[in-house]
Amino acid sequence: MLSAASRPYIDASVPVLREHGLAITRHFYASMFEAHPELRNLFNMGNQANGAQQQSLASAVFAYAANIDNAAALAPVLERIVHKHVSVGITPSHYPIVGRHLLGAIKDVLGDAATPELIAAWDEAYWLLAGELIAAEARLSERTLAPLGALRELVVADVDRETEHVVSYYLRTHEGGSPGEFAPGQYVSVQVTLPDGLQQRRQYSLSDAPDAPHWRITVKREDAGSTKPAGQVSNWLHANLKTGDRILVSPPYGEFTPSLDAAHPFVLLSAGVGITPMMSMVSALAAKGSRREILFAHAARNSSHVALRRHLAFAATQLPHLRVTTFFETPSTSEREGVDYTFAGRMDISRLSLPANADYLLCGPAAFMQAQWRALRDAGVPAERMHREVFGPDALDHLL
């Protein structure tokens, strides 16, 4: 618990962090990478290049300060961070480095406003958070029977092009079997070495049922846009990974793992490649012969951008109470509403017949999930019934 002496300084930091948080985190990363260039292998350098990581950390620091006494709000967020840290290889030895450079950045950016009392308060708050994370990461490592950041070599058994921009990779052990159990909704980290020697890990949801004789990841190639660089790892995978190759993969992690055995209805809302964890859940339910009521609504540009279509169609033959609804934002001229897709335009839950007492699962780009979360909330869905998998670095955005 934060001491009474430190609490006023942390509370007073909230408006300061709103104003200066991004400058602090930019300074923090620049300083840390200069002193410890080896840490570039642990951090997503693509998100560094486009500024997303700096913005995410600024949001995280602010959210932590604003919710430091709200354990109920912080607990699920910390659990998400713990899984991510273990999957990318964060160890206790990294925390002193991060703490030293974060506090140094606060001092440098705030100048005279960073009084010794303020820095002492943030030092205390940082180590309270670090202690919680270190302990939780150790417990997760024990549960998975794998060291922090562990990787194993798997074989690419097959490569299946889903769309122009999306490819599925089927992974097996050297002996040809499944790499092991996982919970539908979990992800694995994949590590590659880029042409410049930089090692990078990215997380990809497992997109098939746990009882399949393989692990499947379904990867969208992230092309460069007007405000973002091309995805380093996704482009490397699409350009290089082929059947018979070997790839380093982590154990499964992630807490986006709802119970599939409950009797109440399921509503799955996804967009783009956010279909991947949903497909794992639907495939697992199909393998069980579930009679659970499921509404699966998916948003895409048009049919050429929908991955895993035939797998969803097969699952539908095994699930008598599955309803699939598709929203196509820009249907092709040959596609007919009500035949090739359900509705034109972006996803609008007011056009869905939502079942009572359902659990709602969301996965897709941040803007999509924020819009659907607000729409469900406005429709009266309790927050405890809504769960989402967060893409990218925005693990704390819903606390802001």
Protein backbone atom coordinates (compact mmCIF):
# COMPACT_ATOMS: atom_id res chain seq x y z
CA MET A 1 0.00 0.00 0.00
CA LEU A 2 1.25 3.46 -0.87
CA SER A 3 2.39 5.43 2.17
CA ALA A 4 0.43 8.40 3.47
CA ALA A 5 3.44 10.63 2.81
CA SER A 6 3.61 9.68 -0.87
CA ARG A 7 -0.09 9.68 -1.66
CA PRO A 8 -0.56 13.47 -2.08
CA TYR A 9 2.34 13.63 -4.54
CA ILE A 10 0.95 10.79 -6.67
CA ASP A 11 -2.53 12.34 -6.64
CA ALA A 12 -1.07 15.69 -7.66
CA SER A 13 0.81 13.98 -10.51
CA VAL A 14 -2.34 13.10 -12.46
CA PRO A 15 -2.77 16.48 -14.23
CA VAL A 16 1.01 16.75 -14.68
CA LEU A 17 1.11 13.39 -16.41
CA ARG A 18 -1.77 14.39 -18.64
CA GLU A 19 0.30 17.35 -19.84
CA HIS A 20 3.83 15.95 -19.90
CA GLY A 21 3.39 12.16 -20.06
CA LEU A 22 4.33 11.76 -23.70
CA ALA A 23 7.46 13.91 -23.35
CA ILE A 24 8.49 11.86 -20.31
CA THR A 25 8.06 8.52 -22.05
CA ARG A 26 9.87 9.65 -25.20
CA HIS A 27 12.79 10.77 -23.06
CA PHE A 28 12.62 7.52 -21.08
CA TYR A 29 12.88 5.24 -24.11
CA ALA A 30 15.64 7.29 -25.76
CA SER A 31 17.70 7.27 -22.56
CA MET A 32 17.16 3.58 -21.85
CA PHE A 33 17.99 2.38 -25.36
CA GLU A 34 21.11 4.52 -25.44
CA ALA A 35 22.34 2.97 -22.21
CA HIS A 36 21.04 -0.55 -22.93
CA PRO A 37 20.81 -1.14 -26.68
CA GLU A 38 20.31 -4.85 -26.06
CA LEU A 39 16.81 -4.07 -24.78
CA ARG A 40 15.77 -3.21 -28.33
CA ASN A 41 15.35 -6.97 -28.73
CA LEU A 42 12.69 -6.99 -26.00
CA PHE A 43 10.62 -3.99 -27.07
CA ASN A 44 8.44 -3.65 -30.15
CA MET A 45 10.57 -1.38 -32.27
CA GLY A 46 7.79 -0.98 -34.79
CA ASN A 47 5.65 0.64 -32.11
CA GLN A 48 8.69 2.71 -31.14
CA ALA A 49 8.96 4.00 -34.69
CA ASN A 50 5.31 5.03 -34.99
CA GLY A 51 5.10 6.45 -31.45
CA ALA A 52 2.51 3.96 -30.22
CA GLN A 53 4.73 2.54 -27.48
CA GLN A 54 5.55 5.97 -26.08
CA GLN A 55 1.89 6.95 -26.08
CA SER A 56 0.91 3.66 -24.46
CA LEU A 57 3.41 4.03 -21.63
CA ALA A 58 2.29 7.61 -21.03
CA SER A 59 -1.30 6.37 -20.79
CA ALA A 60 -0.23 3.53 -18.52
CA VAL A 61 1.62 5.80 -16.09
CA PHE A 62 -1.34 8.17 -15.95
CA ALA A 63 -3.85 5.33 -15.53
CA TYR A 64 -1.80 3.81 -12.73
CA ALA A 65 -1.58 7.15 -10.90
CA ALA A 66 -5.29 7.82 -11.36
CA ASN A 67 -6.29 4.33 -10.14
CA ILE A 68 -3.63 3.56 -7.57
CA ASP A 69 -6.27 2.94 -4.87
CA ASN A 70 -8.66 1.10 -7.20
CA ALA A 71 -7.46 -2.49 -6.98
CA ALA A 72 -10.57 -3.81 -8.73
CA ALA A 73 -9.83 -1.68 -11.79
CA LEU A 74 -6.11 -2.42 -11.87
CA ALA A 75 -6.24 -6.18 -11.27
CA PRO A 76 -7.41 -7.33 -14.74
CA VAL A 77 -5.09 -4.85 -16.42
CA LEU A 78 -2.10 -6.08 -14.42
CA GLU A 79 -2.98 -9.67 -15.30
CA ARG A 80 -2.90 -8.77 -18.99
CA ILE A 81 0.47 -7.08 -18.56
CA VAL A 82 1.86 -10.08 -16.65
CA HIS A 83 1.00 -12.47 -19.50
CA LYS A 84 2.53 -10.11 -22.05
CA HIS A 85 5.72 -9.64 -20.00
CA VAL A 86 6.25 -13.38 -19.57
CA SER A 87 5.63 -14.01 -23.27
CA VAL A 88 8.26 -11.48 -24.37
CA GLY A 89 10.89 -12.37 -21.78
CA ILE A 90 10.76 -9.61 -19.17
CA THR A 91 12.69 -10.73 -16.07
CA PRO A 92 13.20 -9.20 -12.59
CA SER A 93 16.59 -7.86 -13.73
CA HIS A 94 14.86 -5.48 -16.15
CA TYR A 95 12.84 -3.64 -13.50
CA PRO A 96 15.72 -1.65 -11.92
CA ILE A 97 16.76 -0.48 -15.40
CA VAL A 98 13.26 0.66 -16.30
CA GLY A 99 12.76 2.32 -12.91
CA ARG A 100 16.04 4.21 -13.07
CA HIS A 101 15.41 5.60 -16.54
CA LEU A 102 11.73 6.37 -15.90
CA LEU A 103 12.50 8.38 -12.78
CA GLY A 104 15.37 10.07 -14.60
CA ALA A 105 13.01 11.07 -17.42
CA ILE A 106 10.53 12.54 -14.92
CA LYS A 107 13.33 14.61 -13.39
CA ASP A 108 14.66 15.83 -16.72
CA VAL A 109 11.29 16.75 -18.24
CA LEU A 110 9.71 18.34 -15.16
CA GLY A 111 12.87 20.14 -14.07
CA ASP A 112 12.44 22.12 -10.85
CA ALA A 113 8.89 20.76 -10.48
CA ALA A 114 10.36 17.30 -9.87
CA THR A 115 11.06 17.90 -6.20
CA PRO A 116 12.85 15.26 -4.13
CA GLU A 117 9.52 14.48 -2.45
CA LEU A 118 7.80 13.89 -5.80
CA ILE A 119 10.59 11.65 -7.06
CA ALA A 120 10.58 9.71 -3.78
CA ALA A 121 6.82 9.18 -4.09
CA TRP A 122 7.15 7.88 -7.64
CA ASP A 123 10.05 5.66 -6.66
CA GLU A 124 7.82 4.11 -4.00
CA ALA A 125 4.86 3.77 -6.37
CA TYR A 126 7.01 2.25 -9.11
CA TRP A 127 8.44 -0.42 -6.85
CA LEU A 128 5.03 -1.27 -5.45
CA LEU A 129 3.87 -1.95 -9.00
CA ALA A 130 7.11 -3.70 -9.96
CA GLY A 131 6.89 -5.97 -6.92
CA GLU A 132 3.36 -7.01 -7.84
CA LEU A 133 4.34 -7.72 -11.42
CA ILE A 134 7.51 -9.64 -10.54
CA ALA A 135 5.62 -11.89 -8.12
CA ALA A 136 2.74 -12.48 -10.52
CA GLU A 137 5.12 -13.22 -13.41
CA ALA A 138 6.94 -15.78 -11.27
CA ARG A 139 3.63 -17.47 -10.42
CA LEU A 140 2.64 -17.59 -14.09
CA SER A 141 6.01 -19.08 -15.00
CA GLU A 142 5.49 -21.78 -12.39
CA ARG A 143 1.97 -22.56 -13.68
CA THR A 144 3.16 -22.93 -17.26
CA LEU A 145 6.26 -24.92 -16.24
CA ALA A 146 8.33 -22.65 -18.48
CA PRO A 147 11.04 -20.10 -17.63
CA LEU A 148 10.29 -16.44 -18.20
CA GLY A 149 10.51 -15.71 -21.92
CA ALA A 150 10.97 -19.38 -22.87
CA LEU A 151 10.93 -20.30 -26.57
CA ARG A 152 10.85 -23.63 -28.35
CA GLU A 153 11.55 -24.54 -31.94
CA LEU A 154 8.53 -25.68 -33.94
CA VAL A 155 8.18 -26.82 -37.53
CA VAL A 156 5.93 -25.13 -40.09
CA ALA A 157 3.83 -28.08 -41.27
CA ASP A 158 1.73 -26.09 -43.73
CA VAL A 159 1.12 -22.58 -45.01
CA ASP A 160 -2.38 -21.54 -46.11
CA ARG A 161 -3.11 -18.20 -47.76
CA GLU A 162 -6.43 -16.97 -46.37
CA THR A 163 -6.60 -13.62 -48.20
CA GLU A 164 -4.22 -11.34 -50.05
CA HIS A 165 -2.98 -9.98 -46.71
CA VAL A 166 -3.55 -12.90 -44.31
CA VAL A 167 -1.75 -16.25 -44.07
CA SER A 168 -2.25 -19.16 -41.67
CA TYR A 169 0.77 -21.10 -40.45
CA TYR A 170 0.32 -24.62 -39.07
CA LEU A 171 2.93 -25.46 -36.42
CA ARG A 172 3.92 -28.89 -35.13
CA THR A 173 6.68 -30.42 -33.04
CA HIS A 174 9.70 -32.05 -34.68
CA GLU A 175 7.95 -35.38 -34.10
CA GLY A 176 4.91 -34.16 -36.05
CA GLY A 177 2.46 -33.74 -33.17
CA SER A 178 0.63 -30.88 -31.52
CA PRO A 179 2.88 -28.57 -29.48
CA GLY A 180 0.52 -28.91 -26.51
CA GLU A 181 -2.59 -27.69 -24.76
CA PHE A 182 -3.90 -24.14 -24.66
CA ALA A 183 -7.11 -22.31 -23.82
CA PRO A 184 -9.13 -20.86 -26.72
CA GLY A 185 -8.39 -17.15 -26.85
CA GLN A 186 -4.71 -17.44 -25.92
CA TYR A 187 -1.77 -16.28 -28.03
CA VAL A 188 1.85 -17.24 -28.57
CA SER A 189 4.90 -15.07 -29.15
CA VAL A 190 6.85 -15.69 -32.34
CA GLN A 191 10.49 -14.55 -32.50
CA VAL A 192 12.32 -13.71 -35.70
CA THR A 193 15.71 -12.22 -36.49
CA LEU A 194 15.40 -9.33 -38.93
CA PRO A 195 17.97 -8.59 -41.67
CA ASP A 196 19.73 -6.01 -39.47
CA GLY A 197 20.21 -8.59 -36.71
CA LEU A 198 17.48 -7.20 -34.46
CA GLN A 199 15.43 -9.90 -32.72
CA GLN A 200 11.74 -9.14 -32.37
CA ARG A 201 8.78 -10.98 -30.88
CA ARG A 202 5.15 -10.51 -31.80
CA GLN A 203 2.04 -12.06 -30.35
CA TYR A 204 -0.45 -13.96 -32.53
CA SER A 205 -3.66 -15.58 -31.34
CA LEU A 206 -3.99 -19.31 -31.80
CA SER A 207 -6.81 -19.65 -34.31
CA ASP A 208 -7.78 -23.34 -34.15
CA ALA A 209 -9.27 -25.65 -31.53
CA PRO A 210 -6.95 -26.95 -28.78
CA ASP A 211 -7.56 -30.57 -29.80
CA ALA A 212 -6.27 -30.03 -33.34
CA PRO A 213 -3.03 -31.89 -34.19
CA HIS A 214 -1.22 -28.56 -34.61
CA TRP A 215 -1.12 -24.97 -33.50
CA ARG A 216 -2.36 -22.47 -36.06
CA ILE A 217 -1.54 -18.78 -36.12
CA THR A 218 -3.17 -16.51 -38.67
CA VAL A 219 -1.04 -13.47 -39.50
CA LYS A 220 -2.06 -10.29 -41.27
CA ARG A 221 0.70 -8.53 -43.21
CA GLU A 222 0.75 -4.96 -41.93
CA ASP A 223 1.55 -2.71 -44.85
CA ALA A 224 2.91 0.80 -44.44
CA GLY A 225 0.34 3.57 -44.21
CA SER A 226 0.38 7.33 -44.20
CA THR A 227 1.00 7.43 -40.45
CA LYS A 228 2.58 4.05 -39.71
CA PRO A 229 5.53 1.99 -40.94
CA ALA A 230 5.11 -1.51 -42.30
CA GLY A 231 4.93 -4.30 -39.75
CA GLN A 232 8.45 -5.65 -39.36
CA VAL A 233 7.62 -9.16 -38.20
CA SER A 234 4.42 -9.74 -40.17
CA ASN A 235 6.16 -8.74 -43.40
CA TRP A 236 9.14 -10.95 -42.57
CA LEU A 237 6.86 -13.93 -41.93
CA HIS A 238 4.91 -13.42 -45.16
CA ALA A 239 8.09 -13.03 -47.19
CA ASN A 240 10.16 -15.81 -45.64
CA LEU A 241 8.30 -18.46 -43.65
CA LYS A 242 7.44 -21.55 -45.69
CA THR A 243 6.52 -25.19 -45.18
CA GLY A 244 9.33 -27.13 -43.54
CA ASP A 245 10.91 -24.10 -41.89
CA ARG A 246 11.55 -23.87 -38.16
CA ILE A 247 10.41 -21.00 -35.98
CA LEU A 248 10.87 -20.03 -32.32
CA VAL A 249 7.56 -19.89 -30.43
CA SER A 250 6.62 -19.26 -26.79
CA PRO A 251 4.17 -21.24 -24.67
CA PRO A 252 0.55 -20.02 -24.87
CA TYR A 253 -0.35 -16.99 -22.76
CA GLY A 254 -3.24 -14.57 -22.38
CA GLU A 255 -6.26 -14.15 -20.14
CA PHE A 256 -8.89 -13.69 -22.90
CA THR A 257 -10.13 -17.18 -22.12
CA PRO A 258 -13.86 -17.39 -21.33
CA SER A 259 -15.43 -20.59 -20.09
CA LEU A 260 -16.84 -22.52 -23.02
CA ASP A 261 -18.92 -24.80 -20.82
CA ALA A 262 -21.38 -22.19 -19.53
CA ALA A 263 -25.00 -22.43 -20.65
CA HIS A 264 -25.78 -18.76 -21.25
CA PRO A 265 -25.38 -17.26 -24.74
CA PHE A 266 -22.14 -16.08 -26.30
CA VAL A 267 -21.87 -12.93 -28.45
CA LEU A 268 -18.60 -12.63 -30.40
CA LEU A 269 -17.87 -9.26 -32.02
CA SER A 270 -14.75 -9.05 -34.19
CA ALA A 271 -13.23 -7.03 -37.00
CA GLY A 272 -10.43 -7.82 -39.41
CA VAL A 273 -7.83 -10.24 -38.10
CA GLY A 274 -9.57 -10.00 -34.71
CA ILE A 275 -11.47 -13.03 -35.95
CA THR A 276 -8.56 -15.28 -34.92
CA PRO A 277 -9.23 -15.88 -31.19
CA MET A 278 -12.97 -16.04 -31.92
CA MET A 279 -12.34 -18.78 -34.46
CA SER A 280 -10.45 -20.78 -31.86
CA MET A 281 -13.42 -20.53 -29.51
CA VAL A 282 -15.95 -21.44 -32.19
CA SER A 283 -13.82 -24.37 -33.37
CA ALA A 284 -13.49 -25.62 -29.79
CA LEU A 285 -17.26 -25.38 -29.28
CA ALA A 286 -17.83 -27.23 -32.54
CA ALA A 287 -15.46 -30.00 -31.47
CA LYS A 288 -17.48 -30.36 -28.25
CA GLY A 289 -20.77 -30.51 -30.17
CA SER A 290 -21.96 -27.56 -28.10
CA ARG A 291 -25.61 -26.54 -28.18
CA ARG A 292 -24.86 -23.12 -26.74
CA GLU A 293 -26.50 -20.11 -28.39
CA ILE A 294 -23.79 -18.15 -30.22
CA LEU A 295 -24.06 -14.90 -32.14
CA PHE A 296 -20.90 -14.26 -34.16
CA ALA A 297 -20.80 -10.80 -35.78
CA HIS A 298 -17.79 -9.92 -37.89
CA ALA A 299 -16.83 -6.70 -39.65
CA ALA A 300 -14.57 -6.47 -42.72
CA ARG A 301 -14.12 -4.40 -45.84
CA ASN A 302 -15.64 -7.15 -48.00
CA SER A 303 -15.40 -10.90 -48.53
CA SER A 304 -11.85 -10.71 -49.88
CA HIS A 305 -10.75 -9.47 -46.44
CA VAL A 306 -12.41 -12.21 -44.35
CA ALA A 307 -9.92 -14.78 -43.09
CA LEU A 308 -10.78 -18.35 -42.01
CA ARG A 309 -14.10 -18.31 -43.92
CA ARG A 310 -14.21 -22.00 -44.75
CA HIS A 311 -13.29 -22.93 -41.19
CA LEU A 312 -16.17 -20.83 -39.88
CA ALA A 313 -18.51 -22.39 -42.44
CA PHE A 314 -17.48 -25.86 -41.29
CA ALA A 315 -17.98 -24.96 -37.61
CA ALA A 316 -21.47 -23.70 -38.48
CA THR A 317 -22.39 -27.19 -39.69
CA GLN A 318 -21.49 -28.53 -36.23
CA LEU A 319 -23.20 -25.83 -34.15
CA PRO A 320 -26.98 -25.78 -34.52
CA HIS A 321 -27.37 -22.56 -32.52
CA LEU A 322 -24.66 -20.48 -34.21
CA ARG A 323 -25.81 -17.31 -36.01
CA VAL A 324 -23.23 -15.55 -38.19
CA THR A 325 -23.72 -11.90 -39.15
CA THR A 326 -21.30 -10.01 -41.40
CA PHE A 327 -20.89 -6.27 -41.87
CA PHE A 328 -19.04 -5.25 -45.06
CA GLU A 329 -17.91 -1.64 -45.09
CA THR A 330 -17.17 -1.52 -48.82
CA PRO A 331 -18.84 -4.50 -50.54
CA SER A 332 -17.68 -5.29 -54.05
CA THR A 333 -20.10 -4.68 -56.90
CA SER A 334 -20.71 -8.42 -57.24
CA GLU A 335 -21.65 -8.91 -53.57
CA ARG A 336 -25.30 -8.83 -52.60
CA GLU A 337 -26.64 -7.70 -49.25
CA GLY A 338 -28.54 -10.49 -47.55
CA VAL A 339 -26.78 -13.11 -49.68
CA ASP A 340 -23.02 -12.58 -49.59
CA TYR A 341 -23.08 -10.49 -46.41
CA THR A 342 -25.69 -9.43 -43.89
CA PHE A 343 -25.38 -5.65 -43.66
CA ALA A 344 -23.49 -2.95 -45.52
CA GLY A 345 -21.48 -0.44 -43.48
CA ARG A 346 -19.63 -0.60 -40.21
CA MET A 347 -20.78 -2.84 -37.38
CA ASP A 348 -23.89 -1.48 -35.69
CA ILE A 349 -25.14 -3.57 -32.78
CA SER A 350 -28.58 -1.96 -33.02
CA ARG A 351 -29.04 -4.13 -36.14
CA LEU A 352 -28.36 -7.30 -34.16
CA SER A 353 -30.85 -9.32 -32.19
CA LEU A 354 -28.86 -9.57 -28.99
CA PRO A 355 -29.71 -12.52 -26.72
CA ALA A 356 -30.47 -11.93 -23.05
CA ASN A 357 -27.91 -12.67 -20.33
CA ALA A 358 -25.09 -13.13 -22.82
CA ASP A 359 -21.34 -12.80 -22.41
CA TYR A 360 -19.80 -10.41 -24.95
CA LEU A 361 -16.32 -10.91 -26.38
CA LEU A 362 -14.65 -8.23 -28.51
CA CYS A 363 -11.52 -8.39 -30.63
CA GLY A 364 -10.29 -6.06 -33.35
CA PRO A 365 -8.57 -2.72 -33.84
CA ALA A 366 -8.70 -0.36 -30.86
CA ALA A 367 -11.16 2.06 -32.47
CA PHE A 368 -13.53 -0.80 -33.31
CA MET A 369 -13.49 -2.19 -29.79
CA GLN A 370 -13.96 1.22 -28.20
CA ALA A 371 -16.97 1.88 -30.43
CA GLN A 372 -18.57 -1.49 -29.69
CA TRP A 373 -17.82 -1.23 -25.98
CA ARG A 374 -19.57 2.13 -25.81
CA ALA A 375 -22.50 0.86 -27.86
CA LEU A 376 -22.96 -2.18 -25.63
CA ARG A 377 -22.68 -0.04 -22.52
CA ASP A 378 -25.27 2.37 -23.90
CA ALA A 379 -27.49 -0.62 -24.67
CA GLY A 380 -27.40 -1.56 -20.98
CA VAL A 381 -24.93 -4.45 -21.09
CA PRO A 382 -23.14 -4.65 -17.71
CA ALA A 383 -19.37 -4.12 -17.86
CA GLU A 384 -18.76 -7.46 -16.15
CA ARG A 385 -20.39 -9.17 -19.14
CA MET A 386 -17.95 -7.59 -21.62
CA HIS A 387 -14.45 -8.87 -22.29
CA ARG A 388 -11.94 -7.87 -24.93
CA GLU A 389 -8.59 -8.83 -26.33
CA VAL A 390 -6.40 -5.78 -26.74
CA PHE A 391 -4.40 -5.35 -29.95
CA GLY A 392 -1.07 -3.58 -29.76
CA PRO A 393 0.21 -1.66 -26.74
CA ASP A 394 -3.06 -0.19 -25.44
CA ALA A 395 -3.45 -2.41 -22.38
CA LEU A 396 -4.63 0.38 -20.07
CA ASP A 397 -6.77 2.44 -22.40
CA HIS A 398 -10.10 1.56 -20.79
CA LEU A 399 -8.97 3.08 -17.48
CA LEU A 400 -8.52 6.52 -19.03
